[in-house]
Amino acid sequence: MLRVLASLVRLISGINLVIGNVFAWLSVAIVAVCFTVVVQRYVFSTSFVWMQDLYVWLNGVMFMAVAGFALLRNDHVRVDIFYRAASPRRRAIVDLFGTLVFLLPFTFVIAYFGWEFVARSWRYGEGSVNPGGMTGLYVVKSFIIVFAVLVALQGLAMAMRSIIVLAGREDLLPPRFHYQD
């Protein structure tokens, strides 16, 4: 059973790793589009609303898509007063508790309430509120659900990793998933 959990941890983490690495490259596109908008505005005294929408929308998509990746890398904010000095076993307990009590319910609420919000956007074929803006805002809003799913999956991987550690079988996990003393 613990081997199955370890395989699931690797699978889920691998998915978030790939998605995170792919979507992180959107930051380059965001900088390029933003730079272009600034040059157009201040050098050529012109602007395209759709380009302004584009870099804002790309930013939103990138941050929602890489949230699970950030959780995988422990890049999220946590209360280090309790966590930093804790033993691997205590960290596993904190992660398991936090995931089950806070993270998974949070992602459920986001997905539950976000679903109708996203569905309504698709029904209307929602686009930018700005005249001359981009169409397809419904695609961007769909990333609310992507966010909830990827973070929930990574939360499940964290919980499973914690169970493996608490069972004393951290050897089933690759070194990058071990708690560091």
C-alpha atoms as a PDB file:
ATOM      1  CA  MET A   1       0.000   0.000   0.000  1.00  0.00           C
ATOM      2  CA  LEU A   2       2.785   2.447   0.877  1.00  0.00           C
ATOM      3  CA  ARG A   3       4.487   1.679  -2.457  1.00  0.00           C
ATOM      4  CA  VAL A   4       1.277   2.657  -4.252  1.00  0.00           C
ATOM      5  CA  LEU A   5       1.151   5.915  -2.276  1.00  0.00           C
ATOM      6  CA  ALA A   6       4.804   6.605  -3.144  1.00  0.00           C
ATOM      7  CA  SER A   7       4.046   5.998  -6.831  1.00  0.00           C
ATOM      8  CA  LEU A   8       1.094   8.388  -6.651  1.00  0.00           C
ATOM      9  CA  VAL A   9       3.256  11.024  -4.957  1.00  0.00           C
ATOM     10  CA  ARG A  10       5.786  10.734  -7.798  1.00  0.00           C
ATOM     11  CA  LEU A  11       3.059  10.806 -10.479  1.00  0.00           C
ATOM     12  CA  ILE A  12       1.221  13.848  -9.096  1.00  0.00           C
ATOM     13  CA  SER A  13       4.462  15.679  -8.376  1.00  0.00           C
ATOM     14  CA  GLY A  14       5.690  14.854 -11.873  1.00  0.00           C
ATOM     15  CA  ILE A  15       2.534  16.324 -13.401  1.00  0.00           C
ATOM     16  CA  ASN A  16       2.929  19.542 -11.419  1.00  0.00           C
ATOM     17  CA  LEU A  17       6.637  19.635 -12.230  1.00  0.00           C
ATOM     18  CA  VAL A  18       5.976  19.464 -15.976  1.00  0.00           C
ATOM     19  CA  ILE A  19       3.095  21.964 -15.855  1.00  0.00           C
ATOM     20  CA  GLY A  20       5.112  24.322 -13.654  1.00  0.00           C
ATOM     21  CA  ASN A  21       8.149  24.237 -15.931  1.00  0.00           C
ATOM     22  CA  VAL A  22       6.043  24.766 -19.056  1.00  0.00           C
ATOM     23  CA  PHE A  23       3.897  27.582 -17.688  1.00  0.00           C
ATOM     24  CA  ALA A  24       6.832  29.331 -16.011  1.00  0.00           C
ATOM     25  CA  TRP A  25       7.961  30.235 -19.525  1.00  0.00           C
ATOM     26  CA  LEU A  26       4.894  32.474 -19.793  1.00  0.00           C
ATOM     27  CA  SER A  27       6.842  34.945 -17.679  1.00  0.00           C
ATOM     28  CA  VAL A  28       9.081  35.574 -20.692  1.00  0.00           C
ATOM     29  CA  ALA A  29       6.024  36.243 -22.872  1.00  0.00           C
ATOM     30  CA  ILE A  30       4.563  38.527 -20.196  1.00  0.00           C
ATOM     31  CA  VAL A  31       7.737  40.606 -20.058  1.00  0.00           C
ATOM     32  CA  ALA A  32       7.930  40.779 -23.873  1.00  0.00           C
ATOM     33  CA  VAL A  33       4.303  41.877 -24.261  1.00  0.00           C
ATOM     34  CA  CYS A  34       4.536  44.387 -21.407  1.00  0.00           C
ATOM     35  CA  PHE A  35       7.763  45.823 -22.844  1.00  0.00           C
ATOM     36  CA  THR A  36       6.080  46.137 -26.249  1.00  0.00           C
ATOM     37  CA  VAL A  37       3.081  47.943 -24.732  1.00  0.00           C
ATOM     38  CA  VAL A  38       5.366  50.407 -22.919  1.00  0.00           C
ATOM     39  CA  VAL A  39       7.472  51.087 -26.034  1.00  0.00           C
ATOM     40  CA  GLN A  40       4.347  51.584 -28.146  1.00  0.00           C
ATOM     41  CA  ARG A  41       2.842  53.960 -25.625  1.00  0.00           C
ATOM     42  CA  TYR A  42       5.879  56.115 -24.805  1.00  0.00           C
ATOM     43  CA  VAL A  43       7.877  55.960 -28.027  1.00  0.00           C
ATOM     44  CA  PHE A  44       5.154  55.768 -30.664  1.00  0.00           C
ATOM     45  CA  SER A  45       2.255  57.333 -28.709  1.00  0.00           C
ATOM     46  CA  THR A  46      -0.031  54.449 -29.579  1.00  0.00           C
ATOM     47  CA  SER A  47      -1.494  51.516 -27.727  1.00  0.00           C
ATOM     48  CA  PHE A  48      -3.525  48.396 -28.355  1.00  0.00           C
ATOM     49  CA  VAL A  49      -5.981  47.459 -25.636  1.00  0.00           C
ATOM     50  CA  TRP A  50      -5.833  43.801 -26.595  1.00  0.00           C
ATOM     51  CA  MET A  51      -2.087  43.775 -25.852  1.00  0.00           C
ATOM     52  CA  GLN A  52      -2.703  45.223 -22.401  1.00  0.00           C
ATOM     53  CA  ASP A  53      -5.310  42.527 -21.814  1.00  0.00           C
ATOM     54  CA  LEU A  54      -2.863  39.912 -23.087  1.00  0.00           C
ATOM     55  CA  TYR A  55      -0.118  40.487 -20.541  1.00  0.00           C
ATOM     56  CA  VAL A  56      -2.575  40.734 -17.656  1.00  0.00           C
ATOM     57  CA  TRP A  57      -4.330  37.541 -18.747  1.00  0.00           C
ATOM     58  CA  LEU A  58      -1.050  35.686 -19.310  1.00  0.00           C
ATOM     59  CA  ASN A  59       0.008  36.702 -15.815  1.00  0.00           C
ATOM     60  CA  GLY A  60      -3.195  35.311 -14.306  1.00  0.00           C
ATOM     61  CA  VAL A  61      -2.945  32.066 -16.263  1.00  0.00           C
ATOM     62  CA  MET A  62       0.696  31.586 -15.307  1.00  0.00           C
ATOM     63  CA  PHE A  63       0.137  32.116 -11.589  1.00  0.00           C
ATOM     64  CA  MET A  64      -2.898  29.850 -11.460  1.00  0.00           C
ATOM     65  CA  ALA A  65      -1.187  27.094 -13.468  1.00  0.00           C
ATOM     66  CA  VAL A  66       2.037  27.062 -11.421  1.00  0.00           C
ATOM     67  CA  ALA A  67       0.407  27.078  -7.963  1.00  0.00           C
ATOM     68  CA  GLY A  68       0.661  23.294  -7.609  1.00  0.00           C
ATOM     69  CA  PHE A  69       4.284  23.484  -8.757  1.00  0.00           C
ATOM     70  CA  ALA A  70       4.977  26.128  -6.104  1.00  0.00           C
ATOM     71  CA  LEU A  71       3.400  23.875  -3.465  1.00  0.00           C
ATOM     72  CA  LEU A  72       5.581  20.996  -4.668  1.00  0.00           C
ATOM     73  CA  ARG A  73       8.688  23.159  -4.244  1.00  0.00           C
ATOM     74  CA  ASN A  74       7.588  24.474  -0.815  1.00  0.00           C
ATOM     75  CA  ASP A  75       7.496  27.993  -2.221  1.00  0.00           C
ATOM     76  CA  HIS A  76       4.246  28.859  -0.442  1.00  0.00           C
ATOM     77  CA  VAL A  77       4.202  30.877   2.753  1.00  0.00           C
ATOM     78  CA  ARG A  78       4.086  28.861   5.950  1.00  0.00           C
ATOM     79  CA  VAL A  79       4.497  29.599   9.626  1.00  0.00           C
ATOM     80  CA  ASP A  80       8.182  28.795   9.985  1.00  0.00           C
ATOM     81  CA  ILE A  81       8.187  29.414  13.741  1.00  0.00           C
ATOM     82  CA  PHE A  82       6.752  25.921  14.190  1.00  0.00           C
ATOM     83  CA  TYR A  83       7.967  24.255  11.033  1.00  0.00           C
ATOM     84  CA  ARG A  84      11.642  25.165  10.574  1.00  0.00           C
ATOM     85  CA  ALA A  85      12.949  23.598  13.789  1.00  0.00           C
ATOM     86  CA  ALA A  86      10.606  20.588  13.663  1.00  0.00           C
ATOM     87  CA  SER A  87      11.750  17.026  13.096  1.00  0.00           C
ATOM     88  CA  PRO A  88      10.783  15.297   9.836  1.00  0.00           C
ATOM     89  CA  ARG A  89       8.067  13.399  11.719  1.00  0.00           C
ATOM     90  CA  ARG A  90       6.592  16.584  13.188  1.00  0.00           C
ATOM     91  CA  ARG A  91       6.714  18.266   9.762  1.00  0.00           C
ATOM     92  CA  ALA A  92       4.825  15.310   8.333  1.00  0.00           C
ATOM     93  CA  ILE A  93       2.164  15.701  11.032  1.00  0.00           C
ATOM     94  CA  VAL A  94       1.859  19.445  10.348  1.00  0.00           C
ATOM     95  CA  ASP A  95       1.655  18.854   6.582  1.00  0.00           C
ATOM     96  CA  LEU A  96      -0.956  16.109   6.964  1.00  0.00           C
ATOM     97  CA  PHE A  97      -3.071  18.182   9.343  1.00  0.00           C
ATOM     98  CA  GLY A  98      -2.752  21.367   7.284  1.00  0.00           C
ATOM     99  CA  THR A  99      -3.578  19.583   4.054  1.00  0.00           C
ATOM    100  CA  LEU A 100      -6.631  17.775   5.374  1.00  0.00           C
ATOM    101  CA  VAL A 101      -8.028  20.622   7.487  1.00  0.00           C
ATOM    102  CA  PHE A 102      -7.119  23.702   5.449  1.00  0.00           C
ATOM    103  CA  LEU A 103      -5.751  23.057   1.946  1.00  0.00           C
ATOM    104  CA  LEU A 104      -8.173  20.451   0.588  1.00  0.00           C
ATOM    105  CA  PRO A 105     -11.312  22.191   1.922  1.00  0.00           C
ATOM    106  CA  PHE A 106     -10.005  25.469   0.457  1.00  0.00           C
ATOM    107  CA  THR A 107      -9.504  23.925  -2.979  1.00  0.00           C
ATOM    108  CA  PHE A 108     -12.949  22.314  -2.789  1.00  0.00           C
ATOM    109  CA  VAL A 109     -14.560  25.686  -2.039  1.00  0.00           C
ATOM    110  CA  ILE A 110     -12.655  27.329  -4.920  1.00  0.00           C
ATOM    111  CA  ALA A 111     -13.689  24.569  -7.351  1.00  0.00           C
ATOM    112  CA  TYR A 112     -17.289  24.441  -6.105  1.00  0.00           C
ATOM    113  CA  PHE A 113     -17.977  28.158  -6.322  1.00  0.00           C
ATOM    114  CA  GLY A 114     -15.661  28.711  -9.273  1.00  0.00           C
ATOM    115  CA  TRP A 115     -17.436  26.113 -11.414  1.00  0.00           C
ATOM    116  CA  GLU A 116     -20.600  28.190 -11.947  1.00  0.00           C
ATOM    117  CA  PHE A 117     -18.530  31.350 -12.381  1.00  0.00           C
ATOM    118  CA  VAL A 118     -16.492  29.670 -15.140  1.00  0.00           C
ATOM    119  CA  ALA A 119     -19.537  27.976 -16.715  1.00  0.00           C
ATOM    120  CA  ARG A 120     -21.379  31.307 -16.917  1.00  0.00           C
ATOM    121  CA  SER A 121     -18.350  32.883 -18.580  1.00  0.00           C
ATOM    122  CA  TRP A 122     -18.316  30.093 -21.189  1.00  0.00           C
ATOM    123  CA  ARG A 123     -22.085  30.421 -21.802  1.00  0.00           C
ATOM    124  CA  TYR A 124     -21.711  34.136 -22.486  1.00  0.00           C
ATOM    125  CA  GLY A 125     -18.530  33.750 -24.522  1.00  0.00           C
ATOM    126  CA  GLU A 126     -17.121  36.384 -22.197  1.00  0.00           C
ATOM    127  CA  GLY A 127     -14.406  38.692 -23.447  1.00  0.00           C
ATOM    128  CA  SER A 128     -12.678  41.795 -22.241  1.00  0.00           C
ATOM    129  CA  VAL A 129     -14.783  44.603 -20.786  1.00  0.00           C
ATOM    130  CA  ASN A 130     -12.497  47.058 -22.565  1.00  0.00           C
ATOM    131  CA  PRO A 131     -13.484  48.232 -26.051  1.00  0.00           C
ATOM    132  CA  GLY A 132     -10.951  46.745 -28.461  1.00  0.00           C
ATOM    133  CA  GLY A 133      -9.910  44.168 -25.872  1.00  0.00           C
ATOM    134  CA  MET A 134      -9.377  40.468 -26.319  1.00  0.00           C
ATOM    135  CA  THR A 135     -12.045  37.830 -26.673  1.00  0.00           C
ATOM    136  CA  GLY A 136     -11.893  34.534 -24.804  1.00  0.00           C
ATOM    137  CA  LEU A 137     -11.795  35.618 -21.175  1.00  0.00           C
ATOM    138  CA  TYR A 138     -13.699  32.400 -20.440  1.00  0.00           C
ATOM    139  CA  VAL A 139     -10.526  30.433 -21.231  1.00  0.00           C
ATOM    140  CA  VAL A 140      -8.582  32.464 -18.672  1.00  0.00           C
ATOM    141  CA  LYS A 141     -11.330  32.008 -16.081  1.00  0.00           C
ATOM    142  CA  SER A 142     -11.167  28.240 -16.650  1.00  0.00           C
ATOM    143  CA  PHE A 143      -7.775  28.328 -14.980  1.00  0.00           C
ATOM    144  CA  ILE A 144      -9.582  28.903 -11.681  1.00  0.00           C
ATOM    145  CA  ILE A 145     -10.631  25.255 -11.889  1.00  0.00           C
ATOM    146  CA  VAL A 146      -7.168  24.239 -13.117  1.00  0.00           C
ATOM    147  CA  PHE A 147      -5.706  26.025 -10.083  1.00  0.00           C
ATOM    148  CA  ALA A 148      -8.003  24.207  -7.662  1.00  0.00           C
ATOM    149  CA  VAL A 149      -7.348  20.806  -9.229  1.00  0.00           C
ATOM    150  CA  LEU A 150      -3.559  21.144  -9.407  1.00  0.00           C
ATOM    151  CA  VAL A 151      -3.244  22.476  -5.859  1.00  0.00           C
ATOM    152  CA  ALA A 152      -5.618  19.798  -4.538  1.00  0.00           C
ATOM    153  CA  LEU A 153      -3.651  17.075  -6.319  1.00  0.00           C
ATOM    154  CA  GLN A 154      -0.389  18.364  -4.896  1.00  0.00           C
ATOM    155  CA  GLY A 155      -2.054  18.580  -1.490  1.00  0.00           C
ATOM    156  CA  LEU A 156      -3.020  14.923  -1.786  1.00  0.00           C
ATOM    157  CA  ALA A 157       0.583  14.131  -2.719  1.00  0.00           C
ATOM    158  CA  MET A 158       1.736  16.028   0.399  1.00  0.00           C
ATOM    159  CA  ALA A 159      -0.700  14.070   2.568  1.00  0.00           C
ATOM    160  CA  MET A 160       0.438  10.764   1.077  1.00  0.00           C
ATOM    161  CA  ARG A 161       4.081  11.732   1.551  1.00  0.00           C
ATOM    162  CA  SER A 162       3.304  12.540   5.179  1.00  0.00           C
ATOM    163  CA  ILE A 163       1.658   9.145   5.676  1.00  0.00           C
ATOM    164  CA  ILE A 164       4.720   7.434   4.188  1.00  0.00           C
ATOM    165  CA  VAL A 165       7.038   9.389   6.500  1.00  0.00           C
ATOM    166  CA  LEU A 166       4.875   8.695   9.547  1.00  0.00           C
ATOM    167  CA  ALA A 167       4.949   4.989   8.655  1.00  0.00           C
ATOM    168  CA  GLY A 168       8.752   5.170   8.742  1.00  0.00           C
ATOM    169  CA  ARG A 169       9.150   4.381   5.040  1.00  0.00           C
ATOM    170  CA  GLU A 170      10.673   7.604   3.698  1.00  0.00           C
ATOM    171  CA  ASP A 171      13.053   5.313   1.786  1.00  0.00           C
ATOM    172  CA  LEU A 172      10.205   4.717  -0.709  1.00  0.00           C
ATOM    173  CA  LEU A 173      10.414   8.363  -1.798  1.00  0.00           C
ATOM    174  CA  PRO A 174      13.100   9.995  -3.941  1.00  0.00           C
ATOM    175  CA  PRO A 175      15.507  12.177  -1.900  1.00  0.00           C
ATOM    176  CA  ARG A 176      13.942  15.421  -3.150  1.00  0.00           C
ATOM    177  CA  PHE A 177      10.735  14.458  -1.295  1.00  0.00           C
ATOM    178  CA  HIS A 178      12.479  13.852   2.033  1.00  0.00           C
ATOM    179  CA  TYR A 179      12.127  16.299   4.877  1.00  0.00           C
ATOM    180  CA  GLN A 180      15.443  17.995   5.509  1.00  0.00           C
ATOM    181  CA  ASP A 181      16.704  18.158   9.089  1.00  0.00           C
END
